[in-house]
Amino acid sequence: MAAIKLYSDLNAMVFRITVAEGDRVAAGETLLLLESMKMEIPLAAPAAGRVAAILVRETDLVGEGDALMLFVPD
């Protein structure tokens, strides 16, 4: 199955990345945390699958609609 891009829903800073490329994850598992206005916003896996690529680094500033990861669902 082809990889899908996971995007940021808001302007934020990448606070913490909780997975590595190649990791297998369950549906709903937190992949990374964004921080905006002192709030942490999790990016969750949309389905069970594998993290194909991480396109950002911790402390990167991202805008609404920026691609954060490539994800391959099972």
PDB file of N, CA and C in Angstrom:
ATOM      1  N   MET A   1       0.840  -1.175   0.000  1.00  0.00           N
ATOM      2  CA  MET A   1       0.000   0.000   0.000  1.00  0.00           C
ATOM      3  C   MET A   1       0.889   1.244   0.000  1.00  0.00           C
ATOM      4  N   ALA A   2       0.438   2.289  -0.629  1.00  0.00           N
ATOM      5  CA  ALA A   2       1.222   3.517  -0.759  1.00  0.00           C
ATOM      6  C   ALA A   2       1.219   4.316   0.536  1.00  0.00           C
ATOM      7  N   ALA A   3       2.281   5.058   0.735  1.00  0.00           N
ATOM      8  CA  ALA A   3       2.394   5.909   1.922  1.00  0.00           C
ATOM      9  C   ALA A   3       1.456   7.103   1.794  1.00  0.00           C
ATOM     10  N   ILE A   4       0.922   7.529   2.924  1.00  0.00           N
ATOM     11  CA  ILE A   4       0.112   8.739   2.971  1.00  0.00           C
ATOM     12  C   ILE A   4       0.850   9.776   3.806  1.00  0.00           C
ATOM     13  N   LYS A   5       0.630  11.045   3.495  1.00  0.00           N
ATOM     14  CA  LYS A   5       1.254  12.122   4.261  1.00  0.00           C
ATOM     15  C   LYS A   5       0.345  12.500   5.416  1.00  0.00           C
ATOM     16  N   LEU A   6       0.958  12.745   6.564  1.00  0.00           N
ATOM     17  CA  LEU A   6       0.242  13.264   7.723  1.00  0.00           C
ATOM     18  C   LEU A   6       0.641  14.723   7.876  1.00  0.00           C
ATOM     19  N   TYR A   7      -0.342  15.595   8.042  1.00  0.00           N
ATOM     20  CA  TYR A   7      -0.133  17.034   8.011  1.00  0.00           C
ATOM     21  C   TYR A   7      -0.403  17.685   9.368  1.00  0.00           C
ATOM     22  N   SER A   8       0.160  18.863   9.550  1.00  0.00           N
ATOM     23  CA  SER A   8      -0.121  19.680  10.722  1.00  0.00           C
ATOM     24  C   SER A   8      -1.453  20.392  10.521  1.00  0.00           C
ATOM     25  N   ASP A   9      -2.258  20.442  11.574  1.00  0.00           N
ATOM     26  CA  ASP A   9      -3.544  21.139  11.518  1.00  0.00           C
ATOM     27  C   ASP A   9      -3.426  22.608  11.920  1.00  0.00           C
ATOM     28  N   LEU A  10      -2.238  23.023  12.388  1.00  0.00           N
ATOM     29  CA  LEU A  10      -2.090  24.374  12.896  1.00  0.00           C
ATOM     30  C   LEU A  10      -0.631  24.816  12.839  1.00  0.00           C
ATOM     31  N   ASN A  11      -0.404  26.086  13.069  1.00  0.00           N
ATOM     32  CA  ASN A  11       0.955  26.614  13.208  1.00  0.00           C
ATOM     33  C   ASN A  11       1.452  26.222  14.589  1.00  0.00           C
ATOM     34  N   ALA A  12       2.606  25.576  14.656  1.00  0.00           N
ATOM     35  CA  ALA A  12       3.083  25.056  15.938  1.00  0.00           C
ATOM     36  C   ALA A  12       4.570  24.747  15.856  1.00  0.00           C
ATOM     37  N   MET A  13       5.115  24.310  17.000  1.00  0.00           N
ATOM     38  CA  MET A  13       6.479  23.820  17.071  1.00  0.00           C
ATOM     39  C   MET A  13       6.421  22.314  17.317  1.00  0.00           C
ATOM     40  N   VAL A  14       7.299  21.571  16.661  1.00  0.00           N
ATOM     41  CA  VAL A  14       7.395  20.130  16.916  1.00  0.00           C
ATOM     42  C   VAL A  14       8.060  19.983  18.283  1.00  0.00           C
ATOM     43  N   PHE A  15       7.287  19.563  19.264  1.00  0.00           N
ATOM     44  CA  PHE A  15       7.763  19.491  20.640  1.00  0.00           C
ATOM     45  C   PHE A  15       8.502  18.184  20.913  1.00  0.00           C
ATOM     46  N   ARG A  16       7.905  17.068  20.530  1.00  0.00           N
ATOM     47  CA  ARG A  16       8.536  15.765  20.785  1.00  0.00           C
ATOM     48  C   ARG A  16       8.092  14.765  19.708  1.00  0.00           C
ATOM     49  N   ILE A  17       9.045  14.023  19.177  1.00  0.00           N
ATOM     50  CA  ILE A  17       8.751  12.930  18.247  1.00  0.00           C
ATOM     51  C   ILE A  17       8.862  11.642  19.041  1.00  0.00           C
ATOM     52  N   THR A  18       7.796  10.855  19.051  1.00  0.00           N
ATOM     53  CA  THR A  18       7.734   9.677  19.924  1.00  0.00           C
ATOM     54  C   THR A  18       7.957   8.360  19.191  1.00  0.00           C
ATOM     55  N   VAL A  19       8.215   8.426  17.893  1.00  0.00           N
ATOM     56  CA  VAL A  19       8.459   7.218  17.097  1.00  0.00           C
ATOM     57  C   VAL A  19       9.710   7.417  16.248  1.00  0.00           C
ATOM     58  N   ALA A  20      10.163   6.348  15.627  1.00  0.00           N
ATOM     59  CA  ALA A  20      11.302   6.411  14.700  1.00  0.00           C
ATOM     60  C   ALA A  20      10.856   5.851  13.355  1.00  0.00           C
ATOM     61  N   GLU A  21      11.590   6.198  12.309  1.00  0.00           N
ATOM     62  CA  GLU A  21      11.281   5.640  10.990  1.00  0.00           C
ATOM     63  C   GLU A  21      11.351   4.122  11.057  1.00  0.00           C
ATOM     64  N   GLY A  22      10.361   3.481  10.466  1.00  0.00           N
ATOM     65  CA  GLY A  22      10.301   2.025  10.448  1.00  0.00           C
ATOM     66  C   GLY A  22       9.487   1.429  11.579  1.00  0.00           C
ATOM     67  N   ASP A  23       9.147   2.236  12.594  1.00  0.00           N
ATOM     68  CA  ASP A  23       8.353   1.715  13.715  1.00  0.00           C
ATOM     69  C   ASP A  23       6.967   1.297  13.254  1.00  0.00           C
ATOM     70  N   ARG A  24       6.496   0.188  13.822  1.00  0.00           N
ATOM     71  CA  ARG A  24       5.113  -0.244  13.623  1.00  0.00           C
ATOM     72  C   ARG A  24       4.301   0.327  14.770  1.00  0.00           C
ATOM     73  N   VAL A  25       3.119   0.864  14.464  1.00  0.00           N
ATOM     74  CA  VAL A  25       2.294   1.509  15.477  1.00  0.00           C
ATOM     75  C   VAL A  25       0.850   1.025  15.373  1.00  0.00           C
ATOM     76  N   ALA A  26       0.135   1.169  16.475  1.00  0.00           N
ATOM     77  CA  ALA A  26      -1.283   0.834  16.524  1.00  0.00           C
ATOM     78  C   ALA A  26      -2.110   2.064  16.158  1.00  0.00           C
ATOM     79  N   ALA A  27      -3.327   1.835  15.740  1.00  0.00           N
ATOM     80  CA  ALA A  27      -4.241   2.943  15.445  1.00  0.00           C
ATOM     81  C   ALA A  27      -4.407   3.795  16.693  1.00  0.00           C
ATOM     82  N   GLY A  28      -4.311   5.101  16.543  1.00  0.00           N
ATOM     83  CA  GLY A  28      -4.490   6.021  17.649  1.00  0.00           C
ATOM     84  C   GLY A  28      -3.249   6.289  18.471  1.00  0.00           C
ATOM     85  N   GLU A  29      -2.162   5.568  18.207  1.00  0.00           N
ATOM     86  CA  GLU A  29      -0.919   5.783  18.954  1.00  0.00           C
ATOM     87  C   GLU A  29      -0.335   7.153  18.601  1.00  0.00           C
ATOM     88  N   THR A  30       0.187   7.854  19.605  1.00  0.00           N
ATOM     89  CA  THR A  30       0.774   9.171  19.384  1.00  0.00           C
ATOM     90  C   THR A  30       2.095   9.041  18.640  1.00  0.00           C
ATOM     91  N   LEU A  31       2.216   9.791  17.544  1.00  0.00           N
ATOM     92  CA  LEU A  31       3.424   9.776  16.721  1.00  0.00           C
ATOM     93  C   LEU A  31       4.345  10.942  17.072  1.00  0.00           C
ATOM     94  N   LEU A  32       3.746  12.083  17.340  1.00  0.00           N
ATOM     95  CA  LEU A  32       4.513  13.246  17.771  1.00  0.00           C
ATOM     96  C   LEU A  32       3.600  14.210  18.491  1.00  0.00           C
ATOM     97  N   LEU A  33       4.222  15.145  19.191  1.00  0.00           N
ATOM     98  CA  LEU A  33       3.478  16.195  19.881  1.00  0.00           C
ATOM     99  C   LEU A  33       3.866  17.538  19.289  1.00  0.00           C
ATOM    100  N   LEU A  34       2.857  18.332  18.974  1.00  0.00           N
ATOM    101  CA  LEU A  34       3.061  19.708  18.559  1.00  0.00           C
ATOM    102  C   LEU A  34       2.771  20.600  19.754  1.00  0.00           C
ATOM    103  N   GLU A  35       3.422  21.742  19.817  1.00  0.00           N
ATOM    104  CA  GLU A  35       3.134  22.705  20.882  1.00  0.00           C
ATOM    105  C   GLU A  35       2.718  24.024  20.254  1.00  0.00           C
ATOM    106  N   SER A  36       1.581  24.521  20.716  1.00  0.00           N
ATOM    107  CA  SER A  36       1.089  25.810  20.250  1.00  0.00           C
ATOM    108  C   SER A  36       0.391  26.501  21.413  1.00  0.00           C
ATOM    109  N   MET A  37       0.778  27.727  21.686  1.00  0.00           N
ATOM    110  CA  MET A  37       0.189  28.512  22.769  1.00  0.00           C
ATOM    111  C   MET A  37       0.222  27.747  24.096  1.00  0.00           C
ATOM    112  N   LYS A  38       1.352  27.098  24.367  1.00  0.00           N
ATOM    113  CA  LYS A  38       1.618  26.348  25.596  1.00  0.00           C
ATOM    114  C   LYS A  38       0.715  25.127  25.766  1.00  0.00           C
ATOM    115  N   MET A  39       0.106  24.666  24.682  1.00  0.00           N
ATOM    116  CA  MET A  39      -0.700  23.443  24.699  1.00  0.00           C
ATOM    117  C   MET A  39      -0.001  22.394  23.853  1.00  0.00           C
ATOM    118  N   GLU A  40      -0.058  21.142  24.296  1.00  0.00           N
ATOM    119  CA  GLU A  40       0.496  20.033  23.530  1.00  0.00           C
ATOM    120  C   GLU A  40      -0.629  19.379  22.735  1.00  0.00           C
ATOM    121  N   ILE A  41      -0.402  19.223  21.440  1.00  0.00           N
ATOM    122  CA  ILE A  41      -1.394  18.644  20.544  1.00  0.00           C
ATOM    123  C   ILE A  41      -0.791  17.383  19.937  1.00  0.00           C
ATOM    124  N   PRO A  42      -1.369  16.206  20.230  1.00  0.00           N
ATOM    125  CA  PRO A  42      -0.801  14.970  19.681  1.00  0.00           C
ATOM    126  C   PRO A  42      -1.215  14.753  18.225  1.00  0.00           C
ATOM    127  N   LEU A  43      -0.306  14.168  17.461  1.00  0.00           N
ATOM    128  CA  LEU A  43      -0.624  13.659  16.129  1.00  0.00           C
ATOM    129  C   LEU A  43      -0.700  12.152  16.282  1.00  0.00           C
ATOM    130  N   ALA A  44      -1.884  11.590  16.060  1.00  0.00           N
ATOM    131  CA  ALA A  44      -2.097  10.165  16.272  1.00  0.00           C
ATOM    132  C   ALA A  44      -2.082   9.410  14.945  1.00  0.00           C
ATOM    133  N   ALA A  45      -1.692   8.153  15.015  1.00  0.00           N
ATOM    134  CA  ALA A  45      -1.710   7.284  13.831  1.00  0.00           C
ATOM    135  C   ALA A  45      -3.163   7.091  13.395  1.00  0.00           C
ATOM    136  N   PRO A  46      -3.455   7.294  12.117  1.00  0.00           N
ATOM    137  CA  PRO A  46      -4.833   7.156  11.645  1.00  0.00           C
ATOM    138  C   PRO A  46      -5.298   5.701  11.574  1.00  0.00           C
ATOM    139  N   ALA A  47      -4.361   4.787  11.595  1.00  0.00           N
ATOM    140  CA  ALA A  47      -4.656   3.347  11.509  1.00  0.00           C
ATOM    141  C   ALA A  47      -3.408   2.601  11.968  1.00  0.00           C
ATOM    142  N   ALA A  48      -3.524   1.310  12.123  1.00  0.00           N
ATOM    143  CA  ALA A  48      -2.329   0.511  12.394  1.00  0.00           C
ATOM    144  C   ALA A  48      -1.447   0.554  11.149  1.00  0.00           C
ATOM    145  N   GLY A  49      -0.141   0.597  11.335  1.00  0.00           N
ATOM    146  CA  GLY A  49       0.750   0.650  10.183  1.00  0.00           C
ATOM    147  C   GLY A  49       2.183   0.911  10.580  1.00  0.00           C
ATOM    148  N   ARG A  50       2.923   1.533   9.654  1.00  0.00           N
ATOM    149  CA  ARG A  50       4.358   1.748   9.827  1.00  0.00           C
ATOM    150  C   ARG A  50       4.718   3.183   9.477  1.00  0.00           C
ATOM    151  N   VAL A  51       5.630   3.753  10.266  1.00  0.00           N
ATOM    152  CA  VAL A  51       6.148   5.095   9.986  1.00  0.00           C
ATOM    153  C   VAL A  51       7.187   4.950   8.876  1.00  0.00           C
ATOM    154  N   ALA A  52       6.898   5.502   7.706  1.00  0.00           N
ATOM    155  CA  ALA A  52       7.802   5.368   6.563  1.00  0.00           C
ATOM    156  C   ALA A  52       8.896   6.429   6.584  1.00  0.00           C
ATOM    157  N   ALA A  53       8.546   7.651   6.975  1.00  0.00           N
ATOM    158  CA  ALA A  53       9.531   8.737   7.012  1.00  0.00           C
ATOM    159  C   ALA A  53       9.046   9.831   7.944  1.00  0.00           C
ATOM    160  N   ILE A  54       9.989  10.431   8.650  1.00  0.00           N
ATOM    161  CA  ILE A  54       9.700  11.584   9.494  1.00  0.00           C
ATOM    162  C   ILE A  54      10.292  12.793   8.775  1.00  0.00           C
ATOM    163  N   LEU A  55       9.446  13.767   8.476  1.00  0.00           N
ATOM    164  CA  LEU A  55       9.845  14.891   7.633  1.00  0.00           C
ATOM    165  C   LEU A  55      10.238  16.129   8.430  1.00  0.00           C
ATOM    166  N   VAL A  56      10.149  16.055   9.754  1.00  0.00           N
ATOM    167  CA  VAL A  56      10.473  17.198  10.619  1.00  0.00           C
ATOM    168  C   VAL A  56      11.404  16.745  11.737  1.00  0.00           C
ATOM    169  N   ARG A  57      11.944  17.723  12.465  1.00  0.00           N
ATOM    170  CA  ARG A  57      12.777  17.443  13.640  1.00  0.00           C
ATOM    171  C   ARG A  57      12.200  18.193  14.834  1.00  0.00           C
ATOM    172  N   GLU A  58      12.533  17.725  16.029  1.00  0.00           N
ATOM    173  CA  GLU A  58      12.097  18.432  17.223  1.00  0.00           C
ATOM    174  C   GLU A  58      12.601  19.867  17.170  1.00  0.00           C
ATOM    175  N   THR A  59      11.775  20.776  17.609  1.00  0.00           N
ATOM    176  CA  THR A  59      11.951  22.236  17.632  1.00  0.00           C
ATOM    177  C   THR A  59      11.692  22.912  16.281  1.00  0.00           C
ATOM    178  N   ASP A  60      11.413  22.140  15.221  1.00  0.00           N
ATOM    179  CA  ASP A  60      11.038  22.757  13.942  1.00  0.00           C
ATOM    180  C   ASP A  60       9.721  23.503  14.105  1.00  0.00           C
ATOM    181  N   LEU A  61       9.599  24.644  13.441  1.00  0.00           N
ATOM    182  CA  LEU A  61       8.332  25.363  13.371  1.00  0.00           C
ATOM    183  C   LEU A  61       7.619  24.914  12.113  1.00  0.00           C
ATOM    184  N   VAL A  62       6.343  24.555  12.254  1.00  0.00           N
ATOM    185  CA  VAL A  62       5.559  24.079  11.115  1.00  0.00           C
ATOM    186  C   VAL A  62       4.313  24.937  10.973  1.00  0.00           C
ATOM    187  N   GLY A  63       3.840  25.026   9.763  1.00  0.00           N
ATOM    188  CA  GLY A  63       2.627  25.783   9.481  1.00  0.00           C
ATOM    189  C   GLY A  63       1.460  24.855   9.228  1.00  0.00           C
ATOM    190  N   GLU A  64       0.275  25.415   9.271  1.00  0.00           N
ATOM    191  CA  GLU A  64      -0.928  24.645   8.970  1.00  0.00           C
ATOM    192  C   GLU A  64      -0.792  24.054   7.565  1.00  0.00           C
ATOM    193  N   GLY A  65      -0.986  22.746   7.448  1.00  0.00           N
ATOM    194  CA  GLY A  65      -0.897  22.082   6.158  1.00  0.00           C
ATOM    195  C   GLY A  65       0.475  21.539   5.811  1.00  0.00           C
ATOM    196  N   ASP A  66       1.476  21.791   6.642  1.00  0.00           N
ATOM    197  CA  ASP A  66       2.819  21.249   6.381  1.00  0.00           C
ATOM    198  C   ASP A  66       2.838  19.739   6.617  1.00  0.00           C
ATOM    199  N   ALA A  67       3.527  19.003   5.747  1.00  0.00           N
ATOM    200  CA  ALA A  67       3.652  17.547   5.900  1.00  0.00           C
ATOM    201  C   ALA A  67       4.616  17.243   7.042  1.00  0.00           C
ATOM    202  N   LEU A  68       4.226  16.310   7.916  1.00  0.00           N
ATOM    203  CA  LEU A  68       5.042  15.945   9.073  1.00  0.00           C
ATOM    204  C   LEU A  68       5.658  14.561   8.936  1.00  0.00           C
ATOM    205  N   MET A  69       4.900  13.615   8.393  1.00  0.00           N
ATOM    206  CA  MET A  69       5.356  12.220   8.291  1.00  0.00           C
ATOM    207  C   MET A  69       4.741  11.554   7.080  1.00  0.00           C
ATOM    208  N   LEU A  70       5.412  10.478   6.642  1.00  0.00           N
ATOM    209  CA  LEU A  70       4.829   9.549   5.684  1.00  0.00           C
ATOM    210  C   LEU A  70       4.476   8.292   6.453  1.00  0.00           C
ATOM    211  N   PHE A  71       3.269   7.781   6.234  1.00  0.00           N
ATOM    212  CA  PHE A  71       2.738   6.677   7.002  1.00  0.00           C
ATOM    213  C   PHE A  71       2.156   5.637   6.049  1.00  0.00           C
ATOM    214  N   VAL A  72       2.468   4.366   6.306  1.00  0.00           N
ATOM    215  CA  VAL A  72       1.936   3.287   5.467  1.00  0.00           C
ATOM    216  C   VAL A  72       0.968   2.462   6.312  1.00  0.00           C
ATOM    217  N   PRO A  73      -0.340   2.591   6.057  1.00  0.00           N
ATOM    218  CA  PRO A  73      -1.302   1.808   6.824  1.00  0.00           C
ATOM    219  C   PRO A  73      -1.251   0.337   6.437  1.00  0.00           C
ATOM    220  N   ASP A  74      -1.635  -0.524   7.381  1.00  0.00           N
ATOM    221  CA  ASP A  74      -1.687  -1.967   7.094  1.00  0.00           C
ATOM    222  C   ASP A  74      -2.797  -2.282   6.122  1.00  0.00           C
TER     223      ASP A  74
END
